[in-house]
N, C-alpha and C. Protein backbone atom coordinates (compact mmCIF):
# COMPACT_ATOMS: atom_id res chain seq x y z
N UNK A 1 -36.61 58.01 32.94
CA UNK A 1 -35.36 57.88 32.31
C UNK A 1 -34.62 56.67 32.90
N UNK A 2 -35.07 55.54 32.49
CA UNK A 2 -34.54 54.29 33.09
C UNK A 2 -33.32 53.80 32.37
N UNK A 3 -32.77 54.67 31.42
CA UNK A 3 -31.54 54.16 30.70
C UNK A 3 -30.25 54.45 31.46
N UNK A 4 -30.33 55.18 32.62
CA UNK A 4 -29.09 55.44 33.29
C UNK A 4 -28.73 54.29 34.25
N UNK A 5 -27.47 53.87 34.18
CA UNK A 5 -26.89 52.76 34.96
C UNK A 5 -26.52 53.30 36.34
N UNK A 6 -26.11 54.58 36.41
CA UNK A 6 -25.70 55.12 37.69
C UNK A 6 -26.27 56.53 37.81
N UNK A 7 -26.43 57.00 39.04
CA UNK A 7 -26.87 58.45 39.21
C UNK A 7 -25.85 59.34 38.69
N UNK A 8 -24.54 58.96 38.59
CA UNK A 8 -23.52 59.74 38.11
C UNK A 8 -23.70 60.15 36.62
N UNK A 9 -24.38 59.23 35.85
CA UNK A 9 -24.65 59.53 34.44
C UNK A 9 -25.47 60.75 34.31
N UNK A 10 -26.41 61.03 35.24
CA UNK A 10 -27.27 62.20 35.19
C UNK A 10 -26.42 63.44 35.37
N UNK A 11 -25.39 63.43 36.16
CA UNK A 11 -24.58 64.58 36.40
C UNK A 11 -23.77 64.99 35.17
N UNK A 12 -23.61 64.11 34.18
CA UNK A 12 -22.84 64.42 32.99
C UNK A 12 -23.72 64.91 31.87
N UNK A 13 -25.07 64.92 32.03
CA UNK A 13 -25.90 65.44 31.00
C UNK A 13 -25.92 66.91 30.92
N UNK A 14 -25.84 67.43 29.67
CA UNK A 14 -25.90 68.86 29.44
C UNK A 14 -27.29 69.30 28.92
N UNK A 15 -27.92 68.40 28.14
CA UNK A 15 -29.15 68.77 27.48
C UNK A 15 -30.10 67.60 27.61
N UNK A 16 -31.33 67.95 27.93
CA UNK A 16 -32.42 66.93 27.99
C UNK A 16 -33.54 67.42 27.09
N UNK A 17 -33.98 66.61 26.14
CA UNK A 17 -35.19 66.88 25.32
C UNK A 17 -36.25 66.03 25.97
N UNK A 18 -37.11 66.61 26.74
CA UNK A 18 -38.08 65.90 27.50
C UNK A 18 -39.27 65.39 26.72
N UNK A 19 -40.05 64.45 27.33
CA UNK A 19 -41.26 63.94 26.70
C UNK A 19 -42.18 65.08 26.30
N UNK A 20 -42.76 65.02 25.12
CA UNK A 20 -43.69 66.02 24.64
C UNK A 20 -42.97 67.24 23.93
N UNK A 21 -41.63 67.20 23.92
CA UNK A 21 -40.86 68.22 23.28
C UNK A 21 -40.51 67.79 21.90
N UNK A 22 -40.62 68.67 20.92
CA UNK A 22 -40.20 68.38 19.57
C UNK A 22 -39.12 69.37 19.17
N UNK A 23 -37.96 68.93 18.81
CA UNK A 23 -36.89 69.82 18.40
C UNK A 23 -36.69 69.58 16.88
N UNK A 24 -36.63 70.67 16.06
CA UNK A 24 -36.37 70.52 14.66
C UNK A 24 -35.14 71.42 14.33
N UNK A 25 -34.16 70.80 13.67
CA UNK A 25 -32.97 71.54 13.24
C UNK A 25 -31.75 70.73 13.63
N UNK A 26 -30.63 71.55 13.72
CA UNK A 26 -29.35 70.91 14.06
C UNK A 26 -29.03 71.14 15.52
N UNK A 27 -28.86 70.01 16.20
CA UNK A 27 -28.54 70.08 17.65
C UNK A 27 -27.13 69.73 17.87
N UNK A 28 -26.26 70.69 18.35
CA UNK A 28 -24.83 70.53 18.57
C UNK A 28 -24.54 70.67 20.07
N UNK A 29 -23.70 69.76 20.63
CA UNK A 29 -23.39 69.82 22.03
C UNK A 29 -21.93 69.30 22.23
N UNK A 30 -21.21 69.93 23.13
CA UNK A 30 -19.93 69.44 23.58
C UNK A 30 -20.07 68.36 24.72
N UNK A 31 -21.25 68.43 25.35
CA UNK A 31 -21.55 67.50 26.47
C UNK A 31 -22.53 66.46 25.99
N UNK A 32 -23.06 65.74 26.93
CA UNK A 32 -24.03 64.64 26.61
C UNK A 32 -25.48 65.16 26.46
N UNK A 33 -26.28 64.48 25.70
CA UNK A 33 -27.65 64.75 25.37
C UNK A 33 -28.54 63.57 25.65
N UNK A 34 -29.66 63.82 26.29
CA UNK A 34 -30.72 62.80 26.47
C UNK A 34 -31.98 63.15 25.72
N UNK A 35 -32.46 62.27 24.91
CA UNK A 35 -33.67 62.51 24.12
C UNK A 35 -34.77 61.63 24.59
N UNK A 36 -35.81 62.24 25.24
CA UNK A 36 -37.00 61.49 25.61
C UNK A 36 -38.22 62.00 24.86
N UNK A 37 -37.99 63.04 24.00
CA UNK A 37 -38.95 63.60 23.17
C UNK A 37 -38.69 63.24 21.70
N UNK A 38 -38.89 64.28 20.84
CA UNK A 38 -38.66 64.03 19.38
C UNK A 38 -37.63 65.02 18.81
N UNK A 39 -36.62 64.53 18.06
CA UNK A 39 -35.68 65.39 17.35
C UNK A 39 -35.73 65.05 15.88
N UNK A 40 -35.90 66.11 15.06
CA UNK A 40 -35.88 66.00 13.60
C UNK A 40 -34.78 66.86 13.07
N UNK A 41 -33.89 66.34 12.28
CA UNK A 41 -32.80 67.16 11.74
C UNK A 41 -31.46 66.44 11.80
N UNK A 42 -30.57 66.85 12.76
CA UNK A 42 -29.25 66.32 12.87
C UNK A 42 -28.84 66.50 14.40
N UNK A 43 -28.10 65.49 14.88
CA UNK A 43 -27.52 65.65 16.26
C UNK A 43 -26.06 65.40 16.14
N UNK A 44 -25.27 66.44 16.57
CA UNK A 44 -23.81 66.31 16.63
C UNK A 44 -23.35 66.57 18.11
N UNK A 45 -22.76 65.53 18.66
CA UNK A 45 -22.38 65.61 20.11
C UNK A 45 -21.07 65.04 20.36
N UNK A 46 -20.23 65.73 21.10
CA UNK A 46 -18.87 65.27 21.43
C UNK A 46 -18.91 64.30 22.63
N UNK A 47 -20.01 64.19 23.31
CA UNK A 47 -20.21 63.25 24.39
C UNK A 47 -21.11 62.07 24.05
N UNK A 48 -21.97 61.73 24.94
CA UNK A 48 -22.92 60.62 24.72
C UNK A 48 -24.30 61.11 24.31
N UNK A 49 -24.91 60.48 23.40
CA UNK A 49 -26.31 60.74 23.09
C UNK A 49 -27.11 59.51 23.61
N UNK A 50 -28.05 59.78 24.51
CA UNK A 50 -28.91 58.74 25.14
C UNK A 50 -30.32 59.00 24.54
N UNK A 51 -30.91 57.95 23.91
CA UNK A 51 -32.22 58.02 23.40
C UNK A 51 -33.09 57.12 24.24
N UNK A 52 -33.93 57.73 25.06
CA UNK A 52 -34.71 56.97 25.98
C UNK A 52 -35.82 56.17 25.26
N UNK A 53 -36.54 55.33 26.04
CA UNK A 53 -37.52 54.44 25.48
C UNK A 53 -38.62 55.16 24.72
N UNK A 54 -39.01 56.40 25.15
CA UNK A 54 -40.02 57.17 24.52
C UNK A 54 -39.43 58.15 23.54
N UNK A 55 -38.08 58.15 23.40
CA UNK A 55 -37.44 59.04 22.44
C UNK A 55 -37.60 58.66 21.04
N UNK A 56 -37.71 59.61 20.13
CA UNK A 56 -37.80 59.37 18.74
C UNK A 56 -36.94 60.34 17.98
N UNK A 57 -36.01 59.83 17.16
CA UNK A 57 -35.08 60.69 16.46
C UNK A 57 -35.25 60.36 14.96
N UNK A 58 -35.66 61.45 14.25
CA UNK A 58 -35.70 61.35 12.77
C UNK A 58 -34.55 62.21 12.29
N UNK A 59 -33.34 61.75 12.49
CA UNK A 59 -32.15 62.57 12.25
C UNK A 59 -30.94 61.62 12.13
N UNK A 60 -29.89 62.16 11.53
CA UNK A 60 -28.56 61.52 11.62
C UNK A 60 -27.96 61.94 12.92
N UNK A 61 -27.24 60.95 13.57
CA UNK A 61 -26.70 61.18 14.89
C UNK A 61 -25.18 60.93 14.75
N UNK A 62 -24.34 61.88 15.14
CA UNK A 62 -22.91 61.75 15.24
C UNK A 62 -22.46 62.11 16.67
N UNK A 63 -21.87 61.10 17.37
CA UNK A 63 -21.48 61.28 18.75
C UNK A 63 -20.28 60.45 19.07
N UNK A 64 -19.74 60.67 20.28
CA UNK A 64 -18.67 59.76 20.75
C UNK A 64 -19.25 58.37 21.07
N UNK A 65 -20.38 58.38 21.76
CA UNK A 65 -21.10 57.11 22.00
C UNK A 65 -22.65 57.37 21.98
N UNK A 66 -23.36 56.33 21.74
CA UNK A 66 -24.87 56.38 21.65
C UNK A 66 -25.45 55.22 22.43
N UNK A 67 -26.44 55.54 23.19
CA UNK A 67 -27.23 54.43 23.85
C UNK A 67 -28.65 54.63 23.33
N UNK A 68 -29.14 53.63 22.60
CA UNK A 68 -30.44 53.66 21.96
C UNK A 68 -31.42 52.77 22.65
N UNK A 69 -32.46 53.35 23.24
CA UNK A 69 -33.55 52.57 23.83
C UNK A 69 -34.89 52.86 23.14
N UNK A 70 -34.87 53.91 22.36
CA UNK A 70 -36.11 54.37 21.63
C UNK A 70 -36.09 53.99 20.16
N UNK A 71 -36.35 55.05 19.36
CA UNK A 71 -36.48 54.88 17.91
C UNK A 71 -35.61 55.81 17.20
N UNK A 72 -34.80 55.46 16.19
CA UNK A 72 -34.03 56.28 15.32
C UNK A 72 -34.33 55.92 13.88
N UNK A 73 -34.66 56.91 13.15
CA UNK A 73 -34.76 56.79 11.67
C UNK A 73 -33.73 57.75 11.08
N UNK A 74 -32.57 57.22 10.89
CA UNK A 74 -31.40 58.00 10.41
C UNK A 74 -30.12 57.20 10.63
N UNK A 75 -29.04 57.75 10.19
CA UNK A 75 -27.76 57.05 10.34
C UNK A 75 -27.09 57.47 11.65
N UNK A 76 -26.32 56.50 12.20
CA UNK A 76 -25.61 56.78 13.43
C UNK A 76 -24.15 56.53 13.21
N UNK A 77 -23.32 57.55 13.63
CA UNK A 77 -21.88 57.44 13.71
C UNK A 77 -21.52 57.61 15.17
N UNK A 78 -21.05 56.55 15.73
CA UNK A 78 -20.67 56.52 17.19
C UNK A 78 -19.22 56.19 17.23
N UNK A 79 -18.41 57.14 17.42
CA UNK A 79 -16.86 57.00 17.37
C UNK A 79 -16.44 55.86 18.33
N UNK A 80 -16.91 55.90 19.55
CA UNK A 80 -16.47 54.92 20.60
C UNK A 80 -17.31 53.67 20.60
N UNK A 81 -18.65 53.94 20.81
CA UNK A 81 -19.56 52.74 21.07
C UNK A 81 -21.01 53.12 20.77
N UNK A 82 -21.68 52.15 20.24
CA UNK A 82 -23.15 52.21 20.08
C UNK A 82 -23.78 50.96 20.72
N UNK A 83 -24.70 51.26 21.67
CA UNK A 83 -25.43 50.25 22.37
C UNK A 83 -26.94 50.38 22.05
N UNK A 84 -27.51 49.30 21.57
CA UNK A 84 -28.94 49.29 21.31
C UNK A 84 -29.52 48.30 22.26
N UNK A 85 -30.43 48.84 23.19
CA UNK A 85 -31.04 48.00 24.16
C UNK A 85 -32.29 47.29 23.61
N UNK A 86 -32.86 46.44 24.39
CA UNK A 86 -33.91 45.57 23.98
C UNK A 86 -35.02 46.28 23.22
N UNK A 87 -35.44 47.39 23.62
CA UNK A 87 -36.64 48.13 23.00
C UNK A 87 -36.21 49.00 21.81
N UNK A 88 -34.91 49.05 21.58
CA UNK A 88 -34.37 49.97 20.50
C UNK A 88 -34.77 49.61 19.12
N UNK A 89 -35.01 50.61 18.28
CA UNK A 89 -35.36 50.42 16.87
C UNK A 89 -34.51 51.37 16.06
N UNK A 90 -33.80 50.83 15.07
CA UNK A 90 -33.01 51.68 14.22
C UNK A 90 -33.18 51.33 12.80
N UNK A 91 -33.59 52.28 11.96
CA UNK A 91 -33.64 52.16 10.50
C UNK A 91 -32.66 53.13 10.00
N UNK A 92 -31.49 52.63 9.64
CA UNK A 92 -30.36 53.46 9.12
C UNK A 92 -29.06 52.74 9.26
N UNK A 93 -28.04 53.31 8.68
CA UNK A 93 -26.76 52.66 8.73
C UNK A 93 -25.95 53.08 9.95
N UNK A 94 -24.99 52.27 10.32
CA UNK A 94 -24.18 52.46 11.51
C UNK A 94 -22.69 52.50 11.11
N UNK A 95 -21.97 53.46 11.73
CA UNK A 95 -20.53 53.40 11.70
C UNK A 95 -20.11 53.52 13.19
N UNK A 96 -19.36 52.63 13.70
CA UNK A 96 -19.00 52.68 15.12
C UNK A 96 -17.76 51.95 15.39
N UNK A 97 -17.16 52.25 16.55
CA UNK A 97 -15.89 51.57 16.95
C UNK A 97 -16.26 50.32 17.76
N UNK A 98 -17.41 50.24 18.36
CA UNK A 98 -17.84 49.13 19.13
C UNK A 98 -19.41 49.05 19.16
N UNK A 99 -19.91 47.84 19.00
CA UNK A 99 -21.34 47.66 18.83
C UNK A 99 -21.84 46.64 19.81
N UNK A 100 -22.95 46.97 20.55
CA UNK A 100 -23.66 46.05 21.42
C UNK A 100 -25.11 46.11 20.99
N UNK A 101 -25.65 45.03 20.64
CA UNK A 101 -27.04 44.90 20.24
C UNK A 101 -27.73 43.82 21.17
N UNK A 102 -28.76 44.22 21.85
CA UNK A 102 -29.54 43.29 22.72
C UNK A 102 -30.54 42.45 21.90
N UNK A 103 -30.98 41.39 22.44
CA UNK A 103 -31.98 40.53 21.81
C UNK A 103 -33.26 41.33 21.71
N UNK A 104 -33.97 41.13 20.57
CA UNK A 104 -35.24 41.79 20.40
C UNK A 104 -35.20 43.18 19.64
N UNK A 105 -34.00 43.62 19.31
CA UNK A 105 -33.82 44.88 18.68
C UNK A 105 -34.27 44.82 17.25
N UNK A 106 -34.86 45.89 16.75
CA UNK A 106 -35.16 46.06 15.34
C UNK A 106 -34.07 46.88 14.72
N UNK A 107 -33.26 46.28 13.75
CA UNK A 107 -32.19 47.05 13.09
C UNK A 107 -32.32 46.73 11.60
N UNK A 108 -32.53 47.79 10.75
CA UNK A 108 -32.55 47.64 9.32
C UNK A 108 -31.53 48.58 8.72
N UNK A 109 -30.39 48.08 8.24
CA UNK A 109 -29.36 48.87 7.71
C UNK A 109 -28.07 48.17 7.56
N UNK A 110 -27.00 48.88 7.34
CA UNK A 110 -25.69 48.34 7.21
C UNK A 110 -24.87 48.82 8.38
N UNK A 111 -23.86 48.00 8.75
CA UNK A 111 -22.96 48.40 9.77
C UNK A 111 -21.51 48.31 9.35
N UNK A 112 -20.77 49.38 9.64
CA UNK A 112 -19.30 49.38 9.39
C UNK A 112 -18.57 49.71 10.68
N UNK A 113 -17.65 48.88 10.96
CA UNK A 113 -16.76 49.04 12.18
C UNK A 113 -15.73 50.09 11.80
N UNK A 114 -15.51 51.06 12.64
CA UNK A 114 -14.42 52.07 12.36
C UNK A 114 -13.31 51.96 13.34
N UNK A 115 -12.17 52.43 12.86
CA UNK A 115 -10.99 52.58 13.66
C UNK A 115 -10.58 54.07 13.71
N UNK A 116 -9.53 54.34 14.44
CA UNK A 116 -9.06 55.69 14.56
C UNK A 116 -8.66 56.29 13.20
N UNK A 117 -8.28 55.52 12.20
CA UNK A 117 -7.86 55.96 10.92
C UNK A 117 -9.10 56.46 10.13
N UNK A 118 -10.26 56.01 10.40
CA UNK A 118 -11.48 56.38 9.62
C UNK A 118 -11.85 57.78 9.95
N UNK A 119 -12.41 58.45 8.97
CA UNK A 119 -12.90 59.84 9.14
C UNK A 119 -14.19 59.74 9.88
N UNK A 120 -14.36 60.68 10.83
CA UNK A 120 -15.51 60.72 11.73
C UNK A 120 -16.60 61.59 11.07
N UNK A 121 -17.38 61.05 10.09
CA UNK A 121 -18.43 61.77 9.52
C UNK A 121 -19.53 60.75 9.08
N UNK A 122 -20.81 61.21 9.17
CA UNK A 122 -21.94 60.37 8.85
C UNK A 122 -22.03 59.96 7.42
N UNK A 123 -22.64 58.86 7.16
CA UNK A 123 -22.82 58.41 5.81
C UNK A 123 -23.76 59.42 5.08
N UNK A 124 -23.51 59.67 3.81
CA UNK A 124 -24.37 60.68 3.07
C UNK A 124 -25.45 60.01 2.30
N UNK A 125 -26.45 59.42 3.03
CA UNK A 125 -27.48 58.77 2.35
C UNK A 125 -28.84 59.50 2.74
N UNK A 126 -29.66 59.86 1.80
CA UNK A 126 -30.93 60.55 2.09
C UNK A 126 -31.93 59.69 2.74
N UNK A 127 -32.77 60.25 3.55
CA UNK A 127 -33.93 59.57 4.19
C UNK A 127 -35.09 59.71 3.24
N UNK A 128 -35.73 58.55 2.98
CA UNK A 128 -36.88 58.55 2.18
C UNK A 128 -38.15 58.33 3.03
N UNK A 129 -39.25 58.94 2.65
CA UNK A 129 -40.47 58.78 3.36
C UNK A 129 -40.85 57.31 3.68
N UNK A 130 -40.68 56.49 2.65
CA UNK A 130 -41.08 55.06 2.86
C UNK A 130 -40.11 54.25 3.66
N UNK A 131 -38.95 54.88 3.97
CA UNK A 131 -37.95 54.21 4.88
C UNK A 131 -38.13 54.56 6.34
N UNK A 132 -39.02 55.47 6.66
CA UNK A 132 -39.15 55.91 8.04
C UNK A 132 -39.86 54.87 8.85
N UNK A 133 -39.46 54.74 10.11
CA UNK A 133 -40.09 53.77 11.06
C UNK A 133 -41.44 54.35 11.49
N UNK A 134 -42.43 53.47 11.48
CA UNK A 134 -43.76 53.94 11.84
C UNK A 134 -43.89 53.71 13.41
N UNK A 135 -44.40 54.74 14.09
CA UNK A 135 -44.59 54.71 15.52
C UNK A 135 -45.67 53.74 15.93
């Protein structure tokens, strides 16, 4: 889990989807979530969603903030901030208050910057088989 900048970040995690774990369905949390395995469905989080380098998310993600170091095939709504690190791959649309994209990132989609006036809900676009990122 090399995505943590401080040991204190680990103390704020409520849920960890570890390597080799596959979760299918709707994942809801009031605290932060770290995904180093696979999630298929939807993630709704009032805290931070951290997708590690080995993490794969085939789902829409709605959270306060998102740190993406792995792969997401779905739309991301990050109310405060979305950070995509060097190894991050995103195929889907973004709505966020603040965006940080590192060099070398793969991003295919549209981006909309949001303010407090915007409604906090994910874009309603279906995922198509041919649009999914190949591992």
